[in-house]
C-alpha cells in the first residue's frame, strides 16, 4: 500500500472523528448552555415574572379601594358604604386560567376583612393564625406593610381546589393606609415549578432530537463527503435562524412592538402586547392593522429611517384610530435575520399624559379668561361710578359667561341681617334678568353660618353638601341646580350679601381658579356698593353746599338792603339838620357819620 493510500486511509479513518467530534462537542456545549446557563436563567426569569405578575394584579384591587375612598371623600358614600361596596367588588374579582385565583383583604390588627376562599375567617382575629410550620403569616403581612408599604410573604396554604393539600405559597400584599387595610393575592410555588418542569422537559426533548439529528447528519456527512458537509452547514444556518427568531420572540416587553418591511409595509413580527391591542397581524399591511386604513399613512416615517438615517432612532407621538389612545413611538431601521433592512417600532402609551396636558391647557385658558373678566370688571365705568343697579347686570352676565354656568345672581342683606334679597338674577340660556326673590336667614341657618365663617361656599354636590342641602326642595330641584359656588360680599368686614354661581346639569367640581374668581367678583360687587355709598354721600354734600350757598346769597342781599336803608336815614337826618339851621334852630339830631364810613356793611344808626 502506497504512502498516499495510507495517508488517504488515515484521513478517511480520521474523517468520522474529525466530523463527529466537533458535532458532538457542539451538542455537548449546547446541552451545557441549555442546562447550566439557559435553564437556571429561565427559571429565575419565570419566578421573577410570576412575582411581578401578582404585584401588578394587586394594583387593580388596590385601585378599587382608592376609587371608593374617593367617593367617600366626595361625600357620595359614607365610610361604611364605601368599604362594604369595595369589599363586595373585590370579592368577585378572579383571574387565572380557571378563574380560581382571588384577592383577600385583612387589616393591620391583623383581622380578616374578607377572604373569598375562607369566608369562615371573615371578621376573625388572625394574630394567632399560623400555617403548619408555625408561621403567623398575617402578622408578617401586617409587619411588612407597616415597614415597607408593600412586599412579598411566603407561607403554607391549602390549595383552592383541595383543602386537604397544604402547599407553599408566595403572596404580594399592599397596604391601603386610609382604611388601615391590606389587600393581597398570591401564587402556588408548585405551579411555577410544574411550569418550569414542562419547559425543561421540552428542552430535553428538543436537545435529544437535535442530538439524534446531528448524529444522523454526521453519518451522512461521512458517507457523502463535501455534499453532506454543505448540507450540514445549511442545516446549521437554518438552525441559527430559528434560534435567533426564537430569542426575539422570547424577548417580550410590555410595550407593543412590531417589525415591518419598508417596501411592502408587510408586518414581519409582532409581540404579545401588540396582539392584545391589534391582534396577530403578521403578514398583513401595517397601516391596515394599526390604523384601519387602506393606504399607507401620510405620517409614515420610513423616509426618516433609511438612507443616511440608518441606525438613528426617530421619536414621535401619534393618536391611534383603532385603540383611541396616544402613543410615543420610537422607530429605527434594523437588520432582520435574513439580512435585509426592516422598520422596527416600539410604542409607549402616553394617553394619561396627554389627558393631563389637555386638562392643563384647558385650565390655563380658563384662568386667562377669568383674569380678563376681572380686568374688565375693574375697568367697568358703572362699578367705578357707583351705578349699582347697572353694575350688577354687568357682574352677573360676566360671571355666567366666564364660568360657563346657567345662572348667576347678586343678593343683598337687609339692615337687620335677617333676609337676603335678590337684586339681579341672570339666566344665560334665555339672557333674562330678574329680581325680587328673598331668603330668610332663619330658614337656612347652615348656609348663612357658612357665609359668616368663610369667604366662599363651594358645593360640588349642592344636594348633599351640609351647607346647601337645605335649598334642595325649595330652590335647587325646581331650577335643576346641581352645583353652587357662592362668594360672600363683605363691606368693612361685615357681610353685605352674596354672589351666587349656579351650575345646571351634571355635578361639577369647582377648580381653585374658579373659586378665586368667584371671590374676586364678590369683591368688585362690594366695591360697587362702596362706590354707590360714596356717590350718595357726595350728592348729599353737594346738595348741602348748594343750600349753604343759597343761604349766603340771601344773607348778602338782606345785608345789602339794610345798609341802603341806613344810608337813606342818614341823608334824611342831615337834610333835617340843614333845614333847622336855615330856620335858625338847633339841629335836632346828633351829627351823623359820613355815608362813606358806613360802607356796605354799616351798622344800625343810633337815634335819639
Protein backbone atom coordinates (compact mmCIF):
# COMPACT_ATOMS: atom_id res chain seq x y z
CA UNK A 1 0.00 0.00 0.00
CA UNK A 2 1.47 3.23 -1.09
CA UNK A 3 2.10 6.04 1.29
CA UNK A 4 -0.55 8.30 -0.32
CA UNK A 5 -3.04 5.48 0.03
CA UNK A 6 -2.07 5.04 3.64
CA UNK A 7 -2.38 8.76 4.12
CA UNK A 8 -5.78 8.75 2.41
CA UNK A 9 -6.91 5.83 4.52
CA UNK A 10 -5.70 7.53 7.65
CA UNK A 11 -7.57 10.64 6.54
CA UNK A 12 -10.68 8.59 5.79
CA UNK A 13 -10.31 6.89 9.15
CA UNK A 14 -9.96 10.24 10.85
CA UNK A 15 -12.84 11.73 8.82
CA UNK A 16 -15.62 10.42 11.06
CA UNK A 17 -13.65 11.54 14.08
CA UNK A 18 -12.98 14.97 12.58
CA UNK A 19 -16.64 15.39 11.67
CA UNK A 20 -18.27 13.77 14.68
CA UNK A 21 -16.08 15.29 17.37
CA UNK A 22 -16.97 18.91 16.50
CA UNK A 23 -20.60 17.87 16.18
CA UNK A 24 -20.57 16.04 19.49
CA UNK A 25 -18.67 18.93 21.08
CA UNK A 26 -21.27 21.34 19.69
CA UNK A 27 -24.10 19.22 21.07
CA UNK A 28 -22.36 18.91 24.42
CA UNK A 29 -21.78 22.65 24.53
CA UNK A 30 -25.40 23.24 23.53
CA UNK A 31 -26.58 20.93 26.33
CA UNK A 32 -24.28 22.67 28.83
CA UNK A 33 -25.52 26.10 27.76
CA UNK A 34 -29.13 24.94 27.96
CA UNK A 35 -28.95 23.23 31.35
CA UNK A 36 -26.19 25.22 33.07
CA UNK A 37 -27.00 28.75 31.85
CA UNK A 38 -30.28 28.97 29.98
CA UNK A 39 -32.47 26.73 32.20
CA UNK A 40 -31.43 28.39 35.51
CA UNK A 41 -31.83 31.80 33.88
CA UNK A 42 -35.22 30.75 32.54
CA UNK A 43 -36.26 29.50 36.00
CA UNK A 44 -35.25 32.78 37.60
CA UNK A 45 -36.98 34.70 34.81
CA UNK A 46 -40.23 32.75 35.26
CA UNK A 47 -40.14 33.18 39.04
CA UNK A 48 -39.45 36.90 38.71
CA UNK A 49 -42.20 37.25 36.08
CA UNK A 50 -44.66 35.48 38.38
CA UNK A 51 -43.64 37.76 41.25
CA UNK A 52 -44.17 40.82 39.05
CA UNK A 53 -47.48 39.36 37.86
CA UNK A 54 -49.01 39.07 41.34
CA UNK A 55 -47.68 42.55 42.17
CA UNK A 56 -49.34 44.03 39.07
CA UNK A 57 -52.55 42.06 39.69
CA UNK A 58 -52.73 43.59 43.17
CA UNK A 59 -52.80 47.13 41.72
CA UNK A 60 -56.36 46.90 40.22
CA UNK A 61 -57.71 45.63 43.55
CA UNK A 62 -55.90 48.43 45.39
CA UNK A 63 -57.32 50.91 42.84
CA UNK A 64 -60.84 49.69 43.69
CA UNK A 65 -60.24 50.69 47.32
CA UNK A 66 -58.85 54.07 46.21
CA UNK A 67 -61.90 54.66 43.98
CA UNK A 68 -64.40 54.01 46.76
CA UNK A 69 -62.29 56.08 49.16
CA UNK A 70 -62.57 58.94 46.64
CA UNK A 71 -66.37 58.54 46.60
CA UNK A 72 -66.30 58.71 50.39
CA UNK A 73 -64.20 61.91 50.35
CA UNK A 74 -66.59 63.49 47.84
CA UNK A 75 -69.47 62.77 50.21
CA UNK A 76 -71.20 60.45 47.73
CA UNK A 77 -70.89 57.47 50.13
CA UNK A 78 -70.43 57.06 53.85
CA UNK A 79 -67.30 55.31 55.08
CA UNK A 80 -69.25 52.13 55.86
CA UNK A 81 -70.97 52.15 52.46
CA UNK A 82 -67.71 52.76 50.61
CA UNK A 83 -65.94 49.94 52.49
CA UNK A 84 -68.81 47.49 52.02
CA UNK A 85 -69.07 48.16 48.29
CA UNK A 86 -65.28 47.92 47.86
CA UNK A 87 -65.24 44.55 49.69
CA UNK A 88 -68.11 43.28 47.53
CA UNK A 89 -66.34 44.30 44.35
CA UNK A 90 -63.01 42.69 45.28
CA UNK A 91 -64.76 39.54 46.50
CA UNK A 92 -65.95 38.97 42.90
CA UNK A 93 -62.56 39.60 41.26
CA UNK A 94 -60.96 36.44 39.82
CA UNK A 95 -58.12 35.66 37.43
CA UNK A 96 -56.02 32.76 36.22
CA UNK A 97 -56.68 30.00 33.64
CA UNK A 98 -59.57 28.52 35.65
CA UNK A 99 -60.61 31.88 37.20
CA UNK A 100 -59.91 30.41 40.65
CA UNK A 101 -57.26 32.86 41.78
CA UNK A 102 -58.59 35.56 44.09
CA UNK A 103 -57.83 38.58 46.31
CA UNK A 104 -58.30 38.91 50.05
CA UNK A 105 -58.40 41.83 52.47
CA UNK A 106 -57.12 41.94 56.05
CA UNK A 107 -56.23 44.82 58.34
CA UNK A 108 -53.25 45.85 60.45
CA UNK A 109 -54.55 44.22 63.67
CA UNK A 110 -54.47 41.70 61.89
CA UNK A 111 -58.11 40.84 61.35
CA UNK A 112 -59.64 39.25 58.25
CA UNK A 113 -61.90 41.70 56.42
CA UNK A 114 -62.75 39.41 53.51
CA UNK A 115 -61.45 36.07 52.18
CA UNK A 116 -63.49 34.60 49.28
CA UNK A 117 -61.98 31.12 49.72
CA UNK A 118 -62.18 31.08 53.55
CA UNK A 119 -65.33 33.04 54.48
CA UNK A 120 -65.14 31.41 57.92
CA UNK A 121 -62.19 33.72 58.66
CA UNK A 122 -64.11 36.93 57.84
CA UNK A 123 -64.09 39.22 60.87
CA UNK A 124 -61.76 36.88 62.85
CA UNK A 125 -58.67 37.99 64.75
CA UNK A 126 -55.69 36.45 62.89
CA UNK A 127 -52.97 37.29 65.40
CA UNK A 128 -52.52 33.60 66.31
CA UNK A 129 -53.39 32.14 62.90
CA UNK A 130 -50.37 30.13 61.66
CA UNK A 131 -49.52 27.66 58.90
CA UNK A 132 -48.39 24.07 59.60
CA UNK A 133 -44.82 25.32 60.00
CA UNK A 134 -45.90 27.73 62.73
CA UNK A 135 -45.54 30.90 60.66
CA UNK A 136 -48.12 33.60 61.60
CA UNK A 137 -48.37 34.83 58.05
CA UNK A 138 -50.97 37.56 58.62
CA UNK A 139 -48.84 39.14 61.35
CA UNK A 140 -45.87 39.02 58.96
CA UNK A 141 -48.01 40.68 56.27
CA UNK A 142 -49.00 43.47 58.66
CA UNK A 143 -45.35 44.00 59.67
CA UNK A 144 -44.28 44.06 56.00
CA UNK A 145 -46.88 46.70 55.12
CA UNK A 146 -46.09 48.68 58.25
CA UNK A 147 -42.38 48.82 57.36
CA UNK A 148 -42.40 48.92 53.56
CA UNK A 149 -45.96 49.71 52.48
CA UNK A 150 -45.97 46.55 50.32
CA UNK A 151 -43.99 43.35 49.84
CA UNK A 152 -43.85 39.58 49.38
CA UNK A 153 -44.64 36.95 52.05
CA UNK A 154 -44.16 33.17 51.67
CA UNK A 155 -46.08 30.61 53.75
CA UNK A 156 -48.01 27.31 53.59
CA UNK A 157 -51.66 27.43 52.46
CA UNK A 158 -54.32 24.90 51.25
CA UNK A 159 -54.93 24.78 47.51
CA UNK A 160 -58.26 26.27 46.47
CA UNK A 161 -59.23 23.02 44.72
CA UNK A 162 -58.07 20.69 47.55
CA UNK A 163 -58.36 21.90 51.14
CA UNK A 164 -56.51 18.82 52.43
CA UNK A 165 -53.45 19.66 50.38
CA UNK A 166 -51.28 22.35 52.01
CA UNK A 167 -48.52 23.68 49.76
CA UNK A 168 -46.03 26.54 49.63
CA UNK A 169 -47.47 29.88 48.51
CA UNK A 170 -45.94 33.29 47.72
CA UNK A 171 -48.19 36.35 48.07
CA UNK A 172 -47.83 40.05 47.40
CA UNK A 173 -49.55 42.38 49.88
CA UNK A 174 -50.05 46.15 49.71
CA UNK A 175 -51.37 48.47 52.41
CA UNK A 176 -54.27 50.89 51.94
CA UNK A 177 -53.49 53.50 54.61
CA UNK A 178 -56.78 55.50 54.65
CA UNK A 179 -58.71 52.45 55.95
CA UNK A 180 -55.83 50.56 57.53
CA UNK A 181 -56.41 47.60 55.18
CA UNK A 182 -54.12 45.16 53.42
CA UNK A 183 -55.06 43.73 50.01
CA UNK A 184 -53.17 40.79 48.58
CA UNK A 185 -53.05 37.85 46.20
CA UNK A 186 -50.62 35.03 45.66
CA UNK A 187 -49.36 32.11 43.60
CA UNK A 188 -48.65 28.48 44.48
CA UNK A 189 -44.93 27.82 44.14
CA UNK A 190 -45.51 24.27 42.92
CA UNK A 191 -47.41 25.68 39.91
CA UNK A 192 -44.28 27.60 38.95
CA UNK A 193 -42.13 24.51 39.43
CA UNK A 194 -44.53 22.49 37.27
CA UNK A 195 -44.31 25.11 34.53
CA UNK A 196 -40.53 25.07 34.76
CA UNK A 197 -40.53 21.26 34.65
CA UNK A 198 -42.66 21.30 31.50
CA UNK A 199 -40.30 23.77 29.81
CA UNK A 200 -37.28 21.76 30.97
CA UNK A 201 -38.87 18.58 29.55
CA UNK A 202 -39.42 20.28 26.25
CA UNK A 203 -35.83 21.46 26.20
CA UNK A 204 -34.66 17.92 26.92
CA UNK A 205 -36.81 16.63 24.07
CA UNK A 206 -35.51 19.34 21.77
CA UNK A 207 -31.93 18.60 22.80
CA UNK A 208 -32.41 14.87 22.29
CA UNK A 209 -33.92 15.47 18.87
CA UNK A 210 -31.10 17.79 17.96
CA UNK A 211 -28.56 15.19 19.15
CA UNK A 212 -30.16 12.48 17.02
CA UNK A 213 -30.41 14.82 14.03
CA UNK A 214 -26.78 15.86 14.38
CA UNK A 215 -25.69 12.21 14.69
CA UNK A 216 -27.59 11.27 11.53
CA UNK A 217 -26.25 14.36 9.83
CA UNK A 218 -22.71 13.37 10.84
CA UNK A 219 -23.19 9.89 9.33
CA UNK A 220 -24.49 11.48 6.15
CA UNK A 221 -21.53 13.82 6.05
CA UNK A 222 -19.17 10.85 6.46
CA UNK A 223 -20.97 8.97 3.65
CA UNK A 224 -21.42 11.77 1.17
CA UNK A 225 -18.36 13.90 1.75
CA UNK A 226 -18.42 17.51 0.73
CA UNK A 227 -22.09 17.47 -0.30
CA UNK A 228 -23.07 16.23 3.12
CA UNK A 229 -20.79 18.79 4.73
CA UNK A 230 -22.52 21.54 2.75
CA UNK A 231 -25.90 20.19 3.82
CA UNK A 232 -24.71 20.25 7.41
CA UNK A 233 -23.69 23.90 7.02
CA UNK A 234 -27.08 24.71 5.53
CA UNK A 235 -28.76 22.93 8.43
CA UNK A 236 -26.66 24.91 10.92
CA UNK A 237 -27.62 28.16 9.22
CA UNK A 238 -31.29 27.18 9.34
CA UNK A 239 -30.88 26.27 13.00
CA UNK A 240 -29.20 29.61 13.73
CA UNK A 241 -32.06 31.45 12.00
CA UNK A 242 -34.65 29.59 14.05
CA UNK A 243 -32.65 30.21 17.22
CA UNK A 244 -32.48 33.94 16.61
CA UNK A 245 -36.18 34.05 15.82
CA UNK A 246 -36.94 32.10 18.98
CA UNK A 247 -34.85 34.51 21.06
CA UNK A 248 -36.60 37.53 19.51
CA UNK A 249 -39.98 36.05 20.45
CA UNK A 250 -38.77 35.37 23.99
CA UNK A 251 -37.60 38.96 24.20
CA UNK A 252 -41.08 40.17 25.07
CA UNK A 253 -41.77 43.52 26.69
CA UNK A 254 -44.87 45.32 27.94
CA UNK A 255 -44.97 47.88 25.10
CA UNK A 256 -46.33 46.88 21.68
CA UNK A 257 -43.55 46.15 19.19
CA UNK A 258 -43.69 45.34 15.50
CA UNK A 259 -41.30 44.86 12.58
CA UNK A 260 -42.40 45.63 9.01
CA UNK A 261 -40.97 45.60 5.51
CA UNK A 262 -40.40 49.25 4.47
CA UNK A 263 -41.15 48.48 0.81
CA UNK A 264 -44.28 46.32 1.09
CA UNK A 265 -45.47 47.55 4.53
CA UNK A 266 -45.95 43.89 5.48
CA UNK A 267 -45.80 43.03 9.19
CA UNK A 268 -42.95 40.57 9.73
CA UNK A 269 -43.23 40.25 13.53
CA UNK A 270 -45.47 41.46 16.34
CA UNK A 271 -45.11 40.80 20.09
CA UNK A 272 -47.79 39.74 22.57
CA UNK A 273 -48.53 43.30 23.72
CA UNK A 274 -49.18 44.25 20.10
CA UNK A 275 -51.52 41.28 19.65
CA UNK A 276 -53.59 42.32 22.66
CA UNK A 277 -54.27 45.70 21.04
CA UNK A 278 -54.46 44.98 17.31
CA UNK A 279 -54.43 41.17 17.02
CA UNK A 280 -51.88 39.00 15.24
CA UNK A 281 -51.44 40.95 12.02
CA UNK A 282 -48.31 39.12 10.85
CA UNK A 283 -48.27 39.03 7.05
CA UNK A 284 -50.77 41.90 6.71
CA UNK A 285 -50.22 45.55 5.84
CA UNK A 286 -49.15 47.56 8.87
CA UNK A 287 -51.40 50.54 8.06
CA UNK A 288 -54.45 48.29 7.69
CA UNK A 289 -53.87 46.55 11.03
CA UNK A 290 -52.68 49.51 13.13
CA UNK A 291 -54.61 52.47 11.71
CA UNK A 292 -57.51 50.71 9.96
CA UNK A 293 -56.80 52.45 6.62
CA UNK A 294 -56.46 51.07 3.11
CA UNK A 295 -53.39 53.07 2.12
CA UNK A 296 -50.03 53.93 3.73
CA UNK A 297 -50.22 56.53 6.46
CA UNK A 298 -49.48 60.12 5.48
CA UNK A 299 -47.28 60.38 8.56
CA UNK A 300 -45.26 57.24 7.76
CA UNK A 301 -41.67 57.70 8.98
CA UNK A 302 -39.90 55.34 6.56
CA UNK A 303 -38.22 58.25 4.78
CA UNK A 304 -36.67 59.30 8.13
CA UNK A 305 -35.20 55.87 8.94
CA UNK A 306 -33.28 54.70 5.88
CA UNK A 307 -30.54 56.09 3.68
CA UNK A 308 -28.30 58.40 5.66
CA UNK A 309 -30.50 57.94 8.76
CA UNK A 310 -29.93 54.19 9.20
CA UNK A 311 -29.25 53.41 12.85
CA UNK A 312 -30.73 56.68 14.12
CA UNK A 313 -33.93 56.33 16.17
CA UNK A 314 -36.82 58.63 15.28
CA UNK A 315 -39.16 59.55 18.16
CA UNK A 316 -42.67 60.89 17.55
CA UNK A 317 -46.17 60.91 19.02
CA UNK A 318 -49.42 59.89 17.39
CA UNK A 319 -53.09 59.19 18.17
CA UNK A 320 -54.24 55.73 17.11
CA UNK A 321 -57.65 55.50 15.43
CA UNK A 322 -58.22 51.82 16.33
CA UNK A 323 -57.49 51.96 20.07
CA UNK A 324 -58.37 55.64 20.52
CA UNK A 325 -55.19 56.19 22.57
CA UNK A 326 -51.99 58.25 22.26
CA UNK A 327 -48.58 56.62 21.80
CA UNK A 328 -44.95 57.73 21.90
CA UNK A 329 -43.27 55.80 19.09
CA UNK A 330 -39.57 55.00 18.70
CA UNK A 331 -38.78 53.94 15.11
CA UNK A 332 -35.47 52.57 13.88
CA UNK A 333 -34.07 50.75 10.86
CA UNK A 334 -32.58 47.37 11.87
CA UNK A 335 -31.16 44.37 10.01
CA UNK A 336 -33.53 41.38 10.01
CA UNK A 337 -32.10 37.81 10.40
CA UNK A 338 -32.43 37.24 6.62
CA UNK A 339 -30.07 40.18 6.10
CA UNK A 340 -32.31 42.91 4.72
CA UNK A 341 -33.14 46.18 6.45
CA UNK A 342 -36.56 46.48 8.11
CA UNK A 343 -38.55 49.04 10.11
CA UNK A 344 -38.76 48.46 13.87
CA UNK A 345 -41.19 50.32 16.14
CA UNK A 346 -41.87 50.27 19.89
CA UNK A 347 -44.84 52.29 21.16
CA UNK A 348 -45.47 53.52 24.72
CA UNK A 349 -48.98 54.50 25.81
CA UNK A 350 -48.97 58.21 26.80
CA UNK A 351 -52.74 58.75 26.84
CA UNK A 352 -52.82 59.69 30.52
CA UNK A 353 -50.06 62.25 29.99
CA UNK A 354 -51.93 63.73 27.04
CA UNK A 355 -55.13 63.98 29.08
CA UNK A 356 -53.23 65.79 31.84
CA UNK A 357 -51.69 68.16 29.29
CA UNK A 358 -55.11 68.82 27.76
CA UNK A 359 -56.55 69.48 31.21
CA UNK A 360 -53.67 71.84 31.97
CA UNK A 361 -54.22 73.73 28.72
CA UNK A 362 -57.93 73.99 29.42
CA UNK A 363 -57.16 75.20 32.94
CA UNK A 364 -54.72 77.81 31.61
CA UNK A 365 -57.28 79.09 29.11
CA UNK A 366 -59.89 79.23 31.87
CA UNK A 367 -57.52 81.22 34.11
CA UNK A 368 -56.73 83.62 31.28
CA UNK A 369 -60.44 84.10 30.63
CA UNK A 370 -61.07 84.69 34.34
CA UNK A 371 -58.23 87.21 34.57
CA UNK A 372 -59.54 89.07 31.52
CA UNK A 373 -63.01 89.19 33.10
CA UNK A 374 -61.61 90.52 36.39
CA UNK A 375 -59.74 93.26 34.49
CA UNK A 376 -62.93 94.06 32.59
CA UNK A 377 -64.85 94.44 35.86
CA UNK A 378 -62.07 96.56 37.33
CA UNK A 379 -62.33 98.94 34.38
CA UNK A 380 -66.13 98.95 34.21
CA UNK A 381 -67.47 102.51 34.44
CA UNK A 382 -70.74 101.55 36.16
CA UNK A 383 -68.84 99.95 39.06
CA UNK A 384 -66.42 102.87 39.32
CA UNK A 385 -69.29 105.37 39.20
CA UNK A 386 -71.28 103.51 41.86
CA UNK A 387 -74.22 102.89 39.50
CA UNK A 388 -75.03 99.73 41.41
CA UNK A 389 -78.23 98.73 39.63
CA UNK A 390 -76.45 98.79 36.26
CA UNK A 391 -73.22 97.33 37.67
CA UNK A 392 -74.86 94.12 38.94
CA UNK A 393 -76.18 93.44 35.42
CA UNK A 394 -72.62 93.56 34.13
CA UNK A 395 -71.35 91.40 37.01
CA UNK A 396 -73.90 88.59 36.61
CA UNK A 397 -73.50 88.39 32.85
CA UNK A 398 -69.70 88.39 33.09
CA UNK A 399 -69.69 85.69 35.80
CA UNK A 400 -72.08 83.42 33.87
CA UNK A 401 -70.10 83.67 30.63
CA UNK A 402 -66.70 83.26 32.30
CA UNK A 403 -67.60 80.21 34.41
CA UNK A 404 -69.87 78.74 31.70
CA UNK A 405 -72.82 78.43 34.07
CA UNK A 406 -76.56 78.84 33.56
CA UNK A 407 -77.39 81.15 36.47
CA UNK A 408 -75.54 83.99 38.20
CA UNK A 409 -77.08 86.35 40.74
CA UNK A 410 -76.36 89.05 43.35
CA UNK A 411 -78.19 89.11 46.70
CA UNK A 412 -78.04 91.77 49.44
CA UNK A 413 -78.80 91.50 53.15
CA UNK A 414 -81.37 93.82 54.70
CA UNK A 415 -80.41 96.18 57.52
CA UNK A 416 -81.34 93.58 60.18
CA UNK A 417 -79.17 90.89 58.52
CA UNK A 418 -82.23 88.65 58.60
CA UNK A 419 -83.02 88.32 54.90
CA UNK A 420 -81.23 88.03 51.59
CA UNK A 421 -82.98 89.68 48.66
CA UNK A 422 -82.07 89.11 45.03
CA UNK A 423 -81.18 92.38 43.28
CA UNK A 424 -80.38 90.65 39.96
CA UNK A 425 -80.55 87.08 38.59
CA UNK A 426 -79.16 86.42 35.11
CA UNK A 427 -80.24 83.28 33.26
CA UNK A 428 -77.76 82.66 30.48
CA UNK A 429 -79.83 80.47 28.13
CA UNK A 430 -82.68 82.96 27.88
CA UNK A 431 -80.46 86.04 28.52
CA UNK A 432 -83.07 87.19 31.03
CA UNK A 433 -82.60 89.35 34.15
CA UNK A 434 -84.96 89.21 37.12
CA UNK A 435 -85.02 90.21 40.81
CA UNK A 436 -87.09 90.22 43.96
CA UNK A 437 -86.80 86.74 45.49
CA UNK A 438 -85.99 86.71 49.23
CA UNK A 439 -84.42 84.11 51.54
CA UNK A 440 -84.85 84.30 55.32
CA UNK A 441 -81.74 83.57 57.39
CA UNK A 442 -83.72 81.58 59.94
CA UNK A 443 -84.83 79.09 57.25
CA UNK A 444 -81.26 78.26 56.14
CA UNK A 445 -79.03 78.51 59.24
CA UNK A 446 -76.23 76.25 57.92
CA UNK A 447 -75.84 78.28 54.75
CA UNK A 448 -75.81 81.65 56.50
CA UNK A 449 -73.35 80.35 59.08
CA UNK A 450 -71.06 79.16 56.26
CA UNK A 451 -71.19 82.64 54.71
CA UNK A 452 -70.27 84.24 58.03
CA UNK A 453 -67.46 81.76 58.72
CA UNK A 454 -65.76 81.70 55.31
CA UNK A 455 -65.28 83.57 52.10
CA UNK A 456 -66.74 81.03 49.66
CA UNK A 457 -69.32 78.22 49.74
CA UNK A 458 -68.09 75.73 47.07
CA UNK A 459 -70.68 72.94 46.98
CA UNK A 460 -69.76 70.48 44.23
CA UNK A 461 -72.86 68.45 45.08
CA UNK A 462 -75.29 71.03 46.38
CA UNK A 463 -77.90 68.37 47.12
CA UNK A 464 -75.74 66.62 49.73
CA UNK A 465 -73.42 69.39 50.94
CA UNK A 466 -74.41 70.25 54.54
CA UNK A 467 -74.17 73.98 53.77
CA UNK A 468 -76.62 73.94 50.85
CA UNK A 469 -78.82 70.87 51.17
CA UNK A 470 -81.47 72.98 52.90
CA UNK A 471 -82.24 74.53 49.48
CA UNK A 472 -82.98 71.18 47.76
CA UNK A 473 -86.78 71.23 47.72
CA UNK A 474 -87.38 74.96 47.68
CA UNK A 475 -84.71 76.12 45.23
CA UNK A 476 -82.29 73.56 43.78
CA UNK A 477 -84.65 70.92 42.37
CA UNK A 478 -87.15 73.39 40.83
CA UNK A 479 -84.33 75.07 38.89
CA UNK A 480 -82.28 71.94 38.11
CA UNK A 481 -79.25 73.23 40.04
CA UNK A 482 -76.63 70.62 40.98
CA UNK A 483 -73.54 72.63 41.99
CA UNK A 484 -73.19 76.00 43.72
CA UNK A 485 -70.27 78.41 44.09
CA UNK A 486 -71.26 81.35 46.32
CA UNK A 487 -68.93 84.14 47.46
CA UNK A 488 -69.72 86.49 50.35
CA UNK A 489 -69.85 90.25 49.70
CA UNK A 490 -68.07 91.98 52.59
CA UNK A 491 -68.02 95.73 53.22
CA UNK A 492 -65.86 96.99 56.12
CA UNK A 493 -65.55 93.41 57.36
CA UNK A 494 -69.32 92.86 57.53
CA UNK A 495 -71.33 90.62 55.21
CA UNK A 496 -73.45 92.73 52.92
CA UNK A 497 -74.66 90.00 50.57
CA UNK A 498 -73.56 87.14 48.30
CA UNK A 499 -72.76 86.50 44.64
CA UNK A 500 -74.22 83.15 43.53
CA UNK A 501 -72.89 81.00 40.68
CA UNK A 502 -75.27 78.10 39.96
CA UNK A 503 -74.50 75.18 37.62
CA UNK A 504 -77.32 73.25 35.96
CA UNK A 505 -76.81 69.68 34.69
CA UNK A 506 -74.28 67.09 35.86
CA UNK A 507 -72.46 67.75 39.12
CA UNK A 508 -69.42 70.00 38.74
CA UNK A 509 -66.19 70.09 40.70
CA UNK A 510 -65.09 73.68 41.17
CA UNK A 511 -61.42 74.35 40.43
CA UNK A 512 -59.21 76.50 42.63
CA UNK A 513 -59.03 79.20 39.96
CA UNK A 514 -62.83 79.32 39.69
CA UNK A 515 -63.18 79.68 43.46
CA UNK A 516 -60.68 82.54 43.44
CA UNK A 517 -62.53 84.17 40.54
CA UNK A 518 -65.85 83.99 42.42
CA UNK A 519 -64.29 85.67 45.45
CA UNK A 520 -62.82 88.46 43.31
CA UNK A 521 -66.20 89.03 41.62
CA UNK A 522 -67.72 89.44 45.09
CA UNK A 523 -65.00 91.99 45.91
CA UNK A 524 -65.97 94.00 42.83
CA UNK A 525 -69.63 93.95 43.90
CA UNK A 526 -68.52 95.16 47.32
CA UNK A 527 -66.58 97.96 45.63
CA UNK A 528 -69.69 98.86 43.64
CA UNK A 529 -71.63 99.13 46.92
CA UNK A 530 -68.91 101.32 48.43
CA UNK A 531 -68.87 103.49 45.31
CA UNK A 532 -72.66 103.82 45.48
CA UNK A 533 -72.49 105.00 49.09
CA UNK A 534 -69.70 107.42 48.19
CA UNK A 535 -71.78 108.69 45.30
CA UNK A 536 -74.79 109.19 47.59
CA UNK A 537 -72.62 110.94 50.18
CA UNK A 538 -71.12 113.22 47.55
CA UNK A 539 -74.60 114.04 46.21
CA UNK A 540 -75.80 114.88 49.74
CA UNK A 541 -72.73 117.02 50.34
CA UNK A 542 -73.27 118.83 47.05
CA UNK A 543 -76.90 119.46 47.97
CA UNK A 544 -75.91 120.89 51.37
CA UNK A 545 -73.21 123.09 49.80
CA UNK A 546 -75.76 124.42 47.35
CA UNK A 547 -78.18 125.13 50.21
CA UNK A 548 -75.46 126.98 52.14
CA UNK A 549 -74.54 128.98 49.05
CA UNK A 550 -78.18 129.98 48.58
CA UNK A 551 -78.45 130.99 52.24
CA UNK A 552 -75.28 133.04 51.95
CA UNK A 553 -76.62 134.77 48.84
CA UNK A 554 -79.89 135.61 50.60
CA UNK A 555 -78.00 136.90 53.66
CA UNK A 556 -75.85 139.13 51.47
CA UNK A 557 -79.00 140.54 49.82
CA UNK A 558 -80.54 141.14 53.24
CA UNK A 559 -77.41 142.88 54.50
CA UNK A 560 -77.23 144.98 51.35
CA UNK A 561 -80.87 146.10 51.72
CA UNK A 562 -80.28 147.02 55.37
CA UNK A 563 -77.27 149.18 54.50
CA UNK A 564 -79.27 151.05 51.86
CA UNK A 565 -82.00 151.87 54.38
CA UNK A 566 -79.43 153.16 56.88
CA UNK A 567 -77.86 155.36 54.21
CA UNK A 568 -81.23 156.89 53.35
CA UNK A 569 -81.91 157.65 57.08
CA UNK A 570 -78.54 159.35 57.44
CA UNK A 571 -79.24 161.57 54.40
CA UNK A 572 -82.69 162.42 55.74
CA UNK A 573 -81.28 163.41 59.14
CA UNK A 574 -78.70 165.62 57.52
CA UNK A 575 -81.38 167.33 55.48
CA UNK A 576 -83.48 167.93 58.65
CA UNK A 577 -80.49 169.43 60.49
CA UNK A 578 -79.73 171.65 57.49
CA UNK A 579 -83.33 172.85 57.39
CA UNK A 580 -83.33 173.64 61.15
CA UNK A 581 -80.08 175.52 60.80
CA UNK A 582 -81.64 177.54 57.96
CA UNK A 583 -84.57 178.37 60.30
CA UNK A 584 -82.09 179.40 62.99
CA UNK A 585 -82.80 176.48 65.25
CA UNK A 586 -80.52 173.94 66.87
CA UNK A 587 -80.00 170.69 64.98
CA UNK A 588 -82.29 168.04 66.33
CA UNK A 589 -80.16 165.03 65.51
CA UNK A 590 -76.70 164.03 66.53
CA UNK A 591 -74.20 164.68 63.77
CA UNK A 592 -74.42 161.51 61.62
CA UNK A 593 -71.35 159.60 60.32
CA UNK A 594 -70.33 160.06 56.82
CA UNK A 595 -72.03 157.81 54.38
CA UNK A 596 -68.67 156.69 53.07
CA UNK A 597 -67.84 155.43 56.56
CA UNK A 598 -70.85 153.15 56.56
CA UNK A 599 -69.84 151.03 53.54
CA UNK A 600 -71.99 148.10 52.56
CA UNK A 601 -71.88 146.51 55.96
CA UNK A 602 -72.57 149.62 58.09
CA UNK A 603 -74.21 149.06 61.43
CA UNK A 604 -77.59 150.35 62.59
CA UNK A 605 -77.51 154.10 63.41
CA UNK A 606 -78.47 155.17 66.87
CA UNK A 607 -81.28 157.70 67.08
CA UNK A 608 -82.27 159.99 69.92
